[in-house]
Amino acid sequence: MGILRDSLDKAEANTATRPIPKSAGAQVRFLVKQEKGSTMAVARLLRVSQRTVERYLKAQIKQPRKDLAARMEREVRKRWQPRVREKAKKNAARTGGIVIETRARFGFAAAPGSTDDGRIRLITQHLPPAYAARLFEAQASGATEQQLQNIAAEGLQEIYFKDHGRRADGLLVKFTDIDYVELDF
């Protein structure tokens, strides 16, 4: 995946109002229910045998390996409370916006005489709903990581660096060397 796409997924998962099932058996039961009762589909999803899934359902196996436990949790989180997640995304895209916290290198293409050397900055900025909507649409349409970064860079350029068009008129921001990105909506 990519750092920005993963951050969007994590922010979306954090909108859940209830915790995910804790035990391996409960997680497998949830996945089987989501896959319309198909233990074969869950087995393919978790990359285990169908018999292993059936053993979790019958509580014959209770403690999965670490890698399997991580896959189970990841797949449950993807499917957990989809209506709550969609509502949170719609709210962010319509009224709430999105908060981005990042540590990355920001360079500039600016007027002659100003410094355009990139430097590492830690920025926490609220982006308006229009940028949240663009990020969600791009994510849903399968945009590349670079396209997502360009949308985030444009949002930071307009809101943080240009202050809604009140300064730095000809500034173009380059968003590179991302150390981390955290999103919240």
C-alpha atoms as a PDB file:
ATOM      1  CA  MET A   1       0.000   0.000   0.000  1.00  0.00           C
ATOM      2  CA  GLY A   2       1.276   3.484   0.750  1.00  0.00           C
ATOM      3  CA  ILE A   3       1.774   5.654   3.755  1.00  0.00           C
ATOM      4  CA  LEU A   4      -1.082   8.055   2.963  1.00  0.00           C
ATOM      5  CA  ARG A   5      -3.496   5.280   1.923  1.00  0.00           C
ATOM      6  CA  ASP A   6      -2.701   3.380   5.126  1.00  0.00           C
ATOM      7  CA  SER A   7      -3.283   6.550   7.162  1.00  0.00           C
ATOM      8  CA  LEU A   8      -6.673   7.044   5.507  1.00  0.00           C
ATOM      9  CA  ASP A   9      -7.606   3.442   6.285  1.00  0.00           C
ATOM     10  CA  LYS A  10      -6.456   3.808   9.893  1.00  0.00           C
ATOM     11  CA  ALA A  11      -8.375   7.067  10.365  1.00  0.00           C
ATOM     12  CA  GLU A  12     -11.473   5.414   8.925  1.00  0.00           C
ATOM     13  CA  ALA A  13     -11.078   2.435  11.267  1.00  0.00           C
ATOM     14  CA  ASN A  14     -10.715   4.783  14.256  1.00  0.00           C
ATOM     15  CA  THR A  15     -14.253   6.072  13.690  1.00  0.00           C
ATOM     16  CA  ALA A  16     -15.711   2.788  14.981  1.00  0.00           C
ATOM     17  CA  THR A  17     -17.945   3.184  18.016  1.00  0.00           C
ATOM     18  CA  ARG A  18     -17.488  -0.349  19.354  1.00  0.00           C
ATOM     19  CA  PRO A  19     -14.318  -2.414  19.741  1.00  0.00           C
ATOM     20  CA  ILE A  20     -13.713  -5.310  17.368  1.00  0.00           C
ATOM     21  CA  PRO A  21     -14.150  -8.886  18.656  1.00  0.00           C
ATOM     22  CA  LYS A  22     -11.151  -9.890  20.766  1.00  0.00           C
ATOM     23  CA  SER A  23     -10.960 -13.681  20.596  1.00  0.00           C
ATOM     24  CA  ALA A  24      -9.843 -15.541  17.494  1.00  0.00           C
ATOM     25  CA  GLY A  25     -13.079 -17.548  17.454  1.00  0.00           C
ATOM     26  CA  ALA A  26     -15.229 -14.421  17.585  1.00  0.00           C
ATOM     27  CA  GLN A  27     -13.185 -12.820  14.818  1.00  0.00           C
ATOM     28  CA  VAL A  28     -13.529 -15.895  12.589  1.00  0.00           C
ATOM     29  CA  ARG A  29     -17.287 -16.083  13.287  1.00  0.00           C
ATOM     30  CA  PHE A  30     -17.602 -12.429  12.293  1.00  0.00           C
ATOM     31  CA  LEU A  31     -15.649 -13.018   9.070  1.00  0.00           C
ATOM     32  CA  VAL A  32     -17.719 -16.102   8.190  1.00  0.00           C
ATOM     33  CA  LYS A  33     -20.901 -14.089   8.749  1.00  0.00           C
ATOM     34  CA  GLN A  34     -19.559 -11.302   6.520  1.00  0.00           C
ATOM     35  CA  GLU A  35     -18.722 -13.839   3.795  1.00  0.00           C
ATOM     36  CA  LYS A  36     -22.298 -15.205   3.905  1.00  0.00           C
ATOM     37  CA  GLY A  37     -21.355 -18.386   5.736  1.00  0.00           C
ATOM     38  CA  SER A  38     -18.552 -19.436   3.438  1.00  0.00           C
ATOM     39  CA  THR A  39     -15.670 -20.936   5.377  1.00  0.00           C
ATOM     40  CA  MET A  40     -13.823 -21.421   2.092  1.00  0.00           C
ATOM     41  CA  ALA A  41     -13.910 -17.678   1.359  1.00  0.00           C
ATOM     42  CA  VAL A  42     -12.587 -16.909   4.860  1.00  0.00           C
ATOM     43  CA  ALA A  43      -9.860 -19.514   4.421  1.00  0.00           C
ATOM     44  CA  ARG A  44      -8.733 -17.832   1.181  1.00  0.00           C
ATOM     45  CA  LEU A  45      -8.921 -14.438   2.868  1.00  0.00           C
ATOM     46  CA  LEU A  46      -6.732 -15.542   5.790  1.00  0.00           C
ATOM     47  CA  ARG A  47      -4.523 -17.810   3.644  1.00  0.00           C
ATOM     48  CA  VAL A  48      -5.224 -20.915   5.738  1.00  0.00           C
ATOM     49  CA  SER A  49      -7.074 -24.159   5.055  1.00  0.00           C
ATOM     50  CA  GLN A  50     -10.825 -24.425   5.249  1.00  0.00           C
ATOM     51  CA  ARG A  51     -10.405 -27.014   7.992  1.00  0.00           C
ATOM     52  CA  THR A  52      -8.448 -24.500  10.093  1.00  0.00           C
ATOM     53  CA  VAL A  53     -11.314 -22.017   9.835  1.00  0.00           C
ATOM     54  CA  GLU A  54     -13.758 -24.749  10.875  1.00  0.00           C
ATOM     55  CA  ARG A  55     -11.576 -25.566  13.895  1.00  0.00           C
ATOM     56  CA  TYR A  56     -11.676 -21.919  15.010  1.00  0.00           C
ATOM     57  CA  LEU A  57     -15.460 -21.978  14.635  1.00  0.00           C
ATOM     58  CA  LYS A  58     -15.712 -25.098  16.828  1.00  0.00           C
ATOM     59  CA  ALA A  59     -13.213 -23.625  19.344  1.00  0.00           C
ATOM     60  CA  GLN A  60     -10.804 -26.512  18.752  1.00  0.00           C
ATOM     61  CA  ILE A  61      -8.089 -23.914  18.135  1.00  0.00           C
ATOM     62  CA  LYS A  62      -8.068 -20.819  20.320  1.00  0.00           C
ATOM     63  CA  GLN A  63      -4.655 -19.177  19.932  1.00  0.00           C
ATOM     64  CA  PRO A  64      -3.556 -18.315  16.378  1.00  0.00           C
ATOM     65  CA  ARG A  65       0.029 -17.759  15.313  1.00  0.00           C
ATOM     66  CA  LYS A  66       1.135 -14.117  15.450  1.00  0.00           C
ATOM     67  CA  ASP A  67       1.017 -13.630  11.683  1.00  0.00           C
ATOM     68  CA  LEU A  68      -2.438 -15.229  11.440  1.00  0.00           C
ATOM     69  CA  ALA A  69      -3.709 -13.181  14.396  1.00  0.00           C
ATOM     70  CA  ALA A  70      -2.543 -10.005  12.657  1.00  0.00           C
ATOM     71  CA  ARG A  71      -4.274 -11.014   9.392  1.00  0.00           C
ATOM     72  CA  MET A  72      -7.485 -11.838  11.276  1.00  0.00           C
ATOM     73  CA  GLU A  73      -7.481  -8.499  13.066  1.00  0.00           C
ATOM     74  CA  ARG A  74      -6.715  -6.584   9.860  1.00  0.00           C
ATOM     75  CA  GLU A  75      -9.543  -8.278   7.938  1.00  0.00           C
ATOM     76  CA  VAL A  76     -12.031  -7.749  10.778  1.00  0.00           C
ATOM     77  CA  ARG A  77     -11.066  -4.057  11.051  1.00  0.00           C
ATOM     78  CA  LYS A  78     -11.644  -3.614   7.302  1.00  0.00           C
ATOM     79  CA  ARG A  79     -15.204  -4.877   7.640  1.00  0.00           C
ATOM     80  CA  TRP A  80     -16.133  -3.609  11.111  1.00  0.00           C
ATOM     81  CA  GLN A  81     -19.051  -1.136  11.317  1.00  0.00           C
ATOM     82  CA  PRO A  82     -19.188  -0.098   7.654  1.00  0.00           C
ATOM     83  CA  ARG A  83     -22.173   2.238   8.101  1.00  0.00           C
ATOM     84  CA  VAL A  84     -20.496   4.119  10.955  1.00  0.00           C
ATOM     85  CA  ARG A  85     -17.350   4.506   8.866  1.00  0.00           C
ATOM     86  CA  GLU A  86     -19.270   5.740   5.816  1.00  0.00           C
ATOM     87  CA  LYS A  87     -21.179   8.245   7.938  1.00  0.00           C
ATOM     88  CA  ALA A  88     -17.920   9.609   9.376  1.00  0.00           C
ATOM     89  CA  LYS A  89     -16.428   9.932   5.881  1.00  0.00           C
ATOM     90  CA  LYS A  90     -19.515  11.735   4.579  1.00  0.00           C
ATOM     91  CA  ASN A  91     -19.428  14.095   7.546  1.00  0.00           C
ATOM     92  CA  ALA A  92     -15.748  14.851   6.940  1.00  0.00           C
ATOM     93  CA  ALA A  93     -16.364  15.405   3.222  1.00  0.00           C
ATOM     94  CA  ARG A  94     -19.369  17.680   3.773  1.00  0.00           C
ATOM     95  CA  THR A  95     -18.768  19.663   6.955  1.00  0.00           C
ATOM     96  CA  GLY A  96     -15.955  18.461   9.182  1.00  0.00           C
ATOM     97  CA  GLY A  97     -12.866  18.280   7.027  1.00  0.00           C
ATOM     98  CA  ILE A  98      -9.784  16.289   7.907  1.00  0.00           C
ATOM     99  CA  VAL A  99      -6.797  16.896  10.174  1.00  0.00           C
ATOM    100  CA  ILE A 100      -3.415  15.937   8.792  1.00  0.00           C
ATOM    101  CA  GLU A 101      -0.310  15.617  10.924  1.00  0.00           C
ATOM    102  CA  THR A 102       2.879  14.939   9.049  1.00  0.00           C
ATOM    103  CA  ARG A 103       6.610  15.151   9.253  1.00  0.00           C
ATOM    104  CA  ALA A 104       8.008  15.465   5.766  1.00  0.00           C
ATOM    105  CA  ARG A 105      10.311  17.478   3.566  1.00  0.00           C
ATOM    106  CA  PHE A 106       8.653  20.516   2.059  1.00  0.00           C
ATOM    107  CA  GLY A 107      10.367  22.309  -0.805  1.00  0.00           C
ATOM    108  CA  PHE A 108       9.069  25.240  -2.801  1.00  0.00           C
ATOM    109  CA  ALA A 109       9.029  26.748  -6.233  1.00  0.00           C
ATOM    110  CA  ALA A 110       8.780  30.435  -5.347  1.00  0.00           C
ATOM    111  CA  ALA A 111       9.602  33.902  -6.545  1.00  0.00           C
ATOM    112  CA  PRO A 112      13.264  34.741  -7.274  1.00  0.00           C
ATOM    113  CA  GLY A 113      15.250  35.794  -4.238  1.00  0.00           C
ATOM    114  CA  SER A 114      13.441  33.518  -1.785  1.00  0.00           C
ATOM    115  CA  THR A 115      14.790  30.248  -0.456  1.00  0.00           C
ATOM    116  CA  ASP A 116      13.319  27.158  -2.044  1.00  0.00           C
ATOM    117  CA  ASP A 117      15.502  24.590  -0.268  1.00  0.00           C
ATOM    118  CA  GLY A 118      13.409  21.802   1.134  1.00  0.00           C
ATOM    119  CA  ARG A 119      13.489  21.149   4.855  1.00  0.00           C
ATOM    120  CA  ILE A 120      11.834  18.745   7.245  1.00  0.00           C
ATOM    121  CA  ARG A 121       8.769  20.234   8.912  1.00  0.00           C
ATOM    122  CA  LEU A 122       6.285  18.915  11.431  1.00  0.00           C
ATOM    123  CA  ILE A 123       2.856  20.198  10.450  1.00  0.00           C
ATOM    124  CA  THR A 124      -0.551  19.627  11.991  1.00  0.00           C
ATOM    125  CA  GLN A 125      -3.255  21.274   9.897  1.00  0.00           C
ATOM    126  CA  HIS A 126      -7.010  21.058   9.484  1.00  0.00           C
ATOM    127  CA  LEU A 127      -7.942  20.753   5.816  1.00  0.00           C
ATOM    128  CA  PRO A 128     -11.429  21.844   4.688  1.00  0.00           C
ATOM    129  CA  PRO A 129     -14.093  19.341   3.587  1.00  0.00           C
ATOM    130  CA  ALA A 130     -13.294  19.843  -0.101  1.00  0.00           C
ATOM    131  CA  TYR A 131      -9.850  18.274   0.341  1.00  0.00           C
ATOM    132  CA  ALA A 132     -11.266  15.464   2.489  1.00  0.00           C
ATOM    133  CA  ALA A 133     -13.801  14.719  -0.253  1.00  0.00           C
ATOM    134  CA  ARG A 134     -11.069  14.702  -2.908  1.00  0.00           C
ATOM    135  CA  LEU A 135      -8.921  12.323  -0.822  1.00  0.00           C
ATOM    136  CA  PHE A 136     -11.846   9.930  -0.253  1.00  0.00           C
ATOM    137  CA  GLU A 137     -12.853   9.992  -3.925  1.00  0.00           C
ATOM    138  CA  ALA A 138      -9.276   9.358  -5.028  1.00  0.00           C
ATOM    139  CA  GLN A 139      -8.904   6.508  -2.539  1.00  0.00           C
ATOM    140  CA  ALA A 140     -12.180   4.928  -3.669  1.00  0.00           C
ATOM    141  CA  SER A 141     -11.234   5.191  -7.336  1.00  0.00           C
ATOM    142  CA  GLY A 142      -7.903   3.431  -6.738  1.00  0.00           C
ATOM    143  CA  ALA A 143      -5.607   6.430  -7.057  1.00  0.00           C
ATOM    144  CA  THR A 144      -1.887   5.898  -6.682  1.00  0.00           C
ATOM    145  CA  GLU A 145      -0.011   6.931  -3.577  1.00  0.00           C
ATOM    146  CA  GLN A 146       1.542   9.813  -5.516  1.00  0.00           C
ATOM    147  CA  GLN A 147      -1.893  11.128  -6.499  1.00  0.00           C
ATOM    148  CA  LEU A 148      -3.009  11.040  -2.853  1.00  0.00           C
ATOM    149  CA  GLN A 149       0.181  12.856  -1.839  1.00  0.00           C
ATOM    150  CA  ASN A 150      -0.456  15.507  -4.492  1.00  0.00           C
ATOM    151  CA  ILE A 151      -3.943  16.178  -3.101  1.00  0.00           C
ATOM    152  CA  ALA A 152      -2.573  16.444   0.445  1.00  0.00           C
ATOM    153  CA  ALA A 153       0.271  18.694  -0.760  1.00  0.00           C
ATOM    154  CA  GLU A 154      -2.190  20.955  -2.556  1.00  0.00           C
ATOM    155  CA  GLY A 155      -4.311  21.209   0.592  1.00  0.00           C
ATOM    156  CA  LEU A 156      -1.314  22.046   2.765  1.00  0.00           C
ATOM    157  CA  GLN A 157      -0.085  24.511   0.150  1.00  0.00           C
ATOM    158  CA  GLU A 158      -3.371  26.430   0.074  1.00  0.00           C
ATOM    159  CA  ILE A 159      -4.258  26.302   3.760  1.00  0.00           C
ATOM    160  CA  TYR A 160      -0.938  26.223   5.624  1.00  0.00           C
ATOM    161  CA  PHE A 161       1.570  27.925   3.371  1.00  0.00           C
ATOM    162  CA  LYS A 162      -0.640  30.351   1.409  1.00  0.00           C
ATOM    163  CA  ASP A 163      -3.099  30.984   4.279  1.00  0.00           C
ATOM    164  CA  HIS A 164      -6.200  30.726   2.046  1.00  0.00           C
ATOM    165  CA  GLY A 165      -4.606  32.907  -0.653  1.00  0.00           C
ATOM    166  CA  ARG A 166      -3.641  35.779   1.671  1.00  0.00           C
ATOM    167  CA  ARG A 167       0.119  35.360   1.161  1.00  0.00           C
ATOM    168  CA  ALA A 168       2.787  33.663  -0.973  1.00  0.00           C
ATOM    169  CA  ASP A 169       0.807  34.018  -4.183  1.00  0.00           C
ATOM    170  CA  GLY A 170       3.074  32.110  -6.603  1.00  0.00           C
ATOM    171  CA  LEU A 171       4.188  29.402  -4.171  1.00  0.00           C
ATOM    172  CA  LEU A 172       4.182  25.753  -5.286  1.00  0.00           C
ATOM    173  CA  VAL A 173       4.833  23.184  -2.553  1.00  0.00           C
ATOM    174  CA  LYS A 174       6.721  19.907  -3.038  1.00  0.00           C
ATOM    175  CA  PHE A 175       5.735  17.251  -0.487  1.00  0.00           C
ATOM    176  CA  THR A 176       8.516  14.596  -0.343  1.00  0.00           C
ATOM    177  CA  ASP A 177      10.465  12.330   2.028  1.00  0.00           C
ATOM    178  CA  ILE A 178       7.439  11.618   4.199  1.00  0.00           C
ATOM    179  CA  ASP A 179       8.493  10.347   7.610  1.00  0.00           C
ATOM    180  CA  TYR A 180       4.943   9.777   8.813  1.00  0.00           C
ATOM    181  CA  VAL A 181       1.384  10.932   8.182  1.00  0.00           C
ATOM    182  CA  GLU A 182      -1.557  10.642  10.543  1.00  0.00           C
ATOM    183  CA  LEU A 183      -5.065  11.621   9.538  1.00  0.00           C
ATOM    184  CA  ASP A 184      -8.167  12.148  11.653  1.00  0.00           C
ATOM    185  CA  PHE A 185     -11.717  13.086  10.811  1.00  0.00           C
END
